């Protein structure tokens, strides 16, 4: 954010100077467009701070079973690491019972975020009795994100027609012990 701000301040100062000093009048031909371009960059940076680019939302309760069908947090962690390495910003939504499946006790947002090395605002554990799918799909829609899951979400297609778009749901799993992600259509 500092670079667009500095560019804007320099270009804006040069534009003002071109108005104040008649002998520098031609400077506006360069300073004006430079000020506008740097202002555009500055606004883009400010707007992106709330919503990182290339966001994906993992169906944590689905992904944790990808390796041998057993609930493993390491599997979710590995998928997060791979997606991050590919330039994605991952968030995760879990069913309320995820902690029980993983550790034999309840684990909330904060605990699972710590175990996944994510900021706690990037992990959601839905309340008991609340289905995770609509929370996951609404989060993805609100963030303009794709979903990482092998779930078909058949019950939610009418409410979330974006699920029909090729590449909206990123499927994955393990073959010969190696993680694969279907990022075709990305």
Protein backbone atom coordinates (compact mmCIF):
# COMPACT_ATOMS: atom_id res chain seq x y z
CA UNK A 1 0.00 0.00 0.00
CA UNK A 2 2.90 2.33 0.62
CA UNK A 3 4.14 2.38 -2.99
CA UNK A 4 0.82 3.51 -4.57
CA UNK A 5 0.44 6.10 -1.80
CA UNK A 6 3.93 7.53 -2.37
CA UNK A 7 3.41 7.55 -6.15
CA UNK A 8 0.10 9.35 -5.73
CA UNK A 9 1.56 11.98 -3.39
CA UNK A 10 4.49 12.69 -5.71
CA UNK A 11 2.31 12.90 -8.82
CA UNK A 12 -0.31 15.02 -7.05
CA UNK A 13 2.37 17.40 -5.73
CA UNK A 14 3.83 17.71 -9.25
CA UNK A 15 0.36 18.46 -10.65
CA UNK A 16 -0.22 21.19 -8.04
CA UNK A 17 3.24 22.59 -8.73
CA UNK A 18 2.45 22.80 -12.45
CA UNK A 19 -0.55 25.02 -11.64
CA UNK A 20 1.36 27.23 -9.20
CA UNK A 21 4.43 27.79 -11.37
CA UNK A 22 3.56 28.89 -14.94
CA UNK A 23 6.98 27.88 -16.29
CA UNK A 24 6.20 24.28 -15.23
CA UNK A 25 2.82 24.19 -16.99
CA UNK A 26 3.83 21.29 -19.27
CA UNK A 27 4.44 19.14 -16.19
CA UNK A 28 0.67 18.60 -15.90
CA UNK A 29 0.83 16.46 -19.06
CA UNK A 30 2.79 13.86 -17.13
CA UNK A 31 1.75 14.55 -13.52
CA UNK A 32 -2.01 14.53 -14.18
CA UNK A 33 -2.21 11.05 -15.72
CA UNK A 34 0.35 9.75 -13.21
CA UNK A 35 -1.76 11.06 -10.31
CA UNK A 36 -4.89 9.44 -11.72
CA UNK A 37 -3.16 6.11 -12.36
CA UNK A 38 -1.59 6.00 -8.90
CA UNK A 39 -4.93 6.97 -7.31
CA UNK A 40 -6.52 4.04 -9.16
CA UNK A 41 -3.83 1.68 -7.82
CA UNK A 42 -4.25 3.05 -4.30
CA UNK A 43 -8.03 2.50 -4.38
CA UNK A 44 -7.55 -1.06 -5.66
CA UNK A 45 -5.13 -1.85 -2.83
CA UNK A 46 -7.53 -0.44 -0.23
CA UNK A 47 -10.49 -2.38 -1.61
CA UNK A 48 -8.51 -5.64 -1.80
CA UNK A 49 -7.48 -5.49 1.84
CA UNK A 50 -10.88 -6.82 2.90
CA UNK A 51 -11.06 -9.52 0.24
CA UNK A 52 -7.83 -11.18 -0.81
CA UNK A 53 -7.48 -12.34 -4.38
CA UNK A 54 -7.97 -15.97 -5.40
CA UNK A 55 -9.94 -16.94 -2.33
CA UNK A 56 -11.00 -20.57 -1.96
CA UNK A 57 -13.20 -22.02 0.76
CA UNK A 58 -12.44 -25.58 1.85
CA UNK A 59 -15.15 -27.94 2.97
CA UNK A 60 -12.99 -28.95 5.94
CA UNK A 61 -15.22 -31.83 7.01
CA UNK A 62 -14.98 -33.29 3.51
CA UNK A 63 -11.30 -32.60 2.87
CA UNK A 64 -10.18 -34.10 6.20
CA UNK A 65 -11.35 -37.52 4.92
CA UNK A 66 -9.51 -37.43 1.59
CA UNK A 67 -6.60 -39.57 2.75
CA UNK A 68 -7.67 -43.18 3.38
CA UNK A 69 -11.15 -42.05 4.45
CA UNK A 70 -9.90 -41.20 7.96
CA UNK A 71 -10.45 -37.80 9.57
CA UNK A 72 -7.03 -36.12 9.59
CA UNK A 73 -6.22 -32.49 10.18
CA UNK A 74 -2.89 -33.05 8.41
CA UNK A 75 -4.83 -33.61 5.20
CA UNK A 76 -6.55 -30.24 5.52
CA UNK A 77 -3.21 -28.63 6.37
CA UNK A 78 -1.56 -30.17 3.28
CA UNK A 79 -4.37 -28.95 1.01
CA UNK A 80 -4.08 -25.46 2.51
CA UNK A 81 -0.31 -25.46 1.96
CA UNK A 82 -0.68 -26.58 -1.67
CA UNK A 83 -3.36 -24.00 -2.42
CA UNK A 84 -1.32 -21.26 -0.75
CA UNK A 85 1.73 -22.25 -2.81
CA UNK A 86 -0.44 -21.94 -5.93
CA UNK A 87 -1.41 -18.37 -4.98
CA UNK A 88 -4.79 -19.03 -3.38
CA UNK A 89 -6.00 -17.60 -0.07
CA UNK A 90 -7.78 -20.48 1.70
CA UNK A 91 -10.48 -20.39 4.34
CA UNK A 92 -12.09 -23.44 5.92
CA UNK A 93 -15.62 -24.31 7.08
CA UNK A 94 -16.14 -27.32 9.37
CA UNK A 95 -19.19 -29.14 10.69
CA UNK A 96 -19.72 -28.79 14.45
CA UNK A 97 -18.54 -32.36 15.02
CA UNK A 98 -15.15 -31.93 13.32
CA UNK A 99 -13.28 -31.66 16.62
CA UNK A 100 -14.85 -34.87 17.87
CA UNK A 101 -13.81 -36.71 14.72
CA UNK A 102 -10.28 -35.32 14.90
CA UNK A 103 -9.55 -35.25 18.64
CA UNK A 104 -12.49 -36.82 20.45
CA UNK A 105 -13.65 -33.45 21.80
CA UNK A 106 -15.22 -30.22 20.58
CA UNK A 107 -12.88 -27.81 18.81
CA UNK A 108 -14.06 -24.32 17.87
CA UNK A 109 -12.92 -21.81 15.28
CA UNK A 110 -9.96 -20.58 17.28
CA UNK A 111 -8.62 -24.03 18.18
CA UNK A 112 -8.86 -25.38 14.63
CA UNK A 113 -7.39 -22.18 13.20
CA UNK A 114 -4.37 -22.56 15.48
CA UNK A 115 -3.94 -26.19 14.49
CA UNK A 116 -4.11 -25.20 10.81
CA UNK A 117 -1.78 -22.20 11.24
CA UNK A 118 -4.48 -19.87 9.91
CA UNK A 119 -5.84 -16.62 11.27
CA UNK A 120 -9.00 -17.35 13.21
CA UNK A 121 -11.13 -15.27 10.83
CA UNK A 122 -10.35 -17.82 8.09
CA UNK A 123 -11.87 -20.80 9.93
CA UNK A 124 -15.54 -21.36 10.74
CA UNK A 125 -16.96 -24.19 12.81
CA UNK A 126 -20.74 -24.12 12.45
CA UNK A 127 -22.95 -24.47 15.51
CA UNK A 128 -24.34 -27.84 16.51
CA UNK A 129 -27.46 -28.63 14.50
CA UNK A 130 -26.56 -26.16 11.74
CA UNK A 131 -25.68 -27.69 8.37
CA UNK A 132 -22.25 -26.53 7.20
CA UNK A 133 -23.02 -26.63 3.46
CA UNK A 134 -25.13 -23.46 3.27
CA UNK A 135 -22.62 -21.58 5.47
CA UNK A 136 -19.78 -22.77 3.24
CA UNK A 137 -21.60 -21.91 0.02
CA UNK A 138 -22.76 -18.50 1.28
CA UNK A 139 -19.20 -17.67 2.40
CA UNK A 140 -17.85 -18.66 -1.01
CA UNK A 141 -20.49 -16.56 -2.77
CA UNK A 142 -19.88 -13.52 -0.55
CA UNK A 143 -16.12 -13.73 -1.11
CA UNK A 144 -16.35 -14.50 -4.82
CA UNK A 145 -14.52 -17.72 -4.01
CA UNK A 146 -14.36 -21.23 -5.37
CA UNK A 147 -15.08 -24.27 -3.19
CA UNK A 148 -12.69 -27.15 -2.46
CA UNK A 149 -14.65 -30.36 -1.83
CA UNK A 150 -15.65 -33.67 -3.31
CA UNK A 151 -19.24 -33.07 -2.22
CA UNK A 152 -21.69 -32.64 -5.12
CA UNK A 153 -23.92 -30.24 -3.09
CA UNK A 154 -27.00 -31.62 -4.89
CA UNK A 155 -29.37 -30.25 -2.24
CA UNK A 156 -28.03 -26.73 -2.71
CA UNK A 157 -27.77 -26.32 -6.49
CA UNK A 158 -31.10 -24.47 -6.80
CA UNK A 159 -30.03 -21.88 -4.22
CA UNK A 160 -26.44 -21.76 -5.51
CA UNK A 161 -26.50 -22.06 -9.31
CA UNK A 162 -22.79 -21.14 -9.41
CA UNK A 163 -22.18 -24.78 -8.41
CA UNK A 164 -23.05 -25.73 -12.01
CA UNK A 165 -20.20 -23.61 -13.39
CA UNK A 166 -17.20 -25.70 -14.48
CA UNK A 167 -14.29 -25.24 -12.09
CA UNK A 168 -16.34 -23.65 -9.30
CA UNK A 169 -15.89 -26.72 -7.15
CA UNK A 170 -12.29 -27.90 -6.99
CA UNK A 171 -12.13 -31.63 -6.39
CA UNK A 172 -9.14 -33.47 -5.02
CA UNK A 173 -7.79 -36.42 -3.15
CA UNK A 174 -4.78 -38.71 -2.97
CA UNK A 175 -3.37 -41.02 -5.63
CA UNK A 176 -0.45 -43.22 -4.70
CA UNK A 177 -0.08 -41.20 -1.52
CA UNK A 178 0.21 -37.86 -3.36
CA UNK A 179 -2.25 -34.98 -3.17
CA UNK A 180 -3.98 -34.01 -6.39
CA UNK A 181 -6.30 -31.05 -6.99
CA UNK A 182 -8.47 -30.69 -10.07
CA UNK A 183 -7.68 -27.12 -10.97
CA UNK A 184 -8.74 -27.47 -14.61
CA UNK A 185 -10.90 -24.56 -15.56
CA UNK A 186 -8.97 -22.33 -13.15
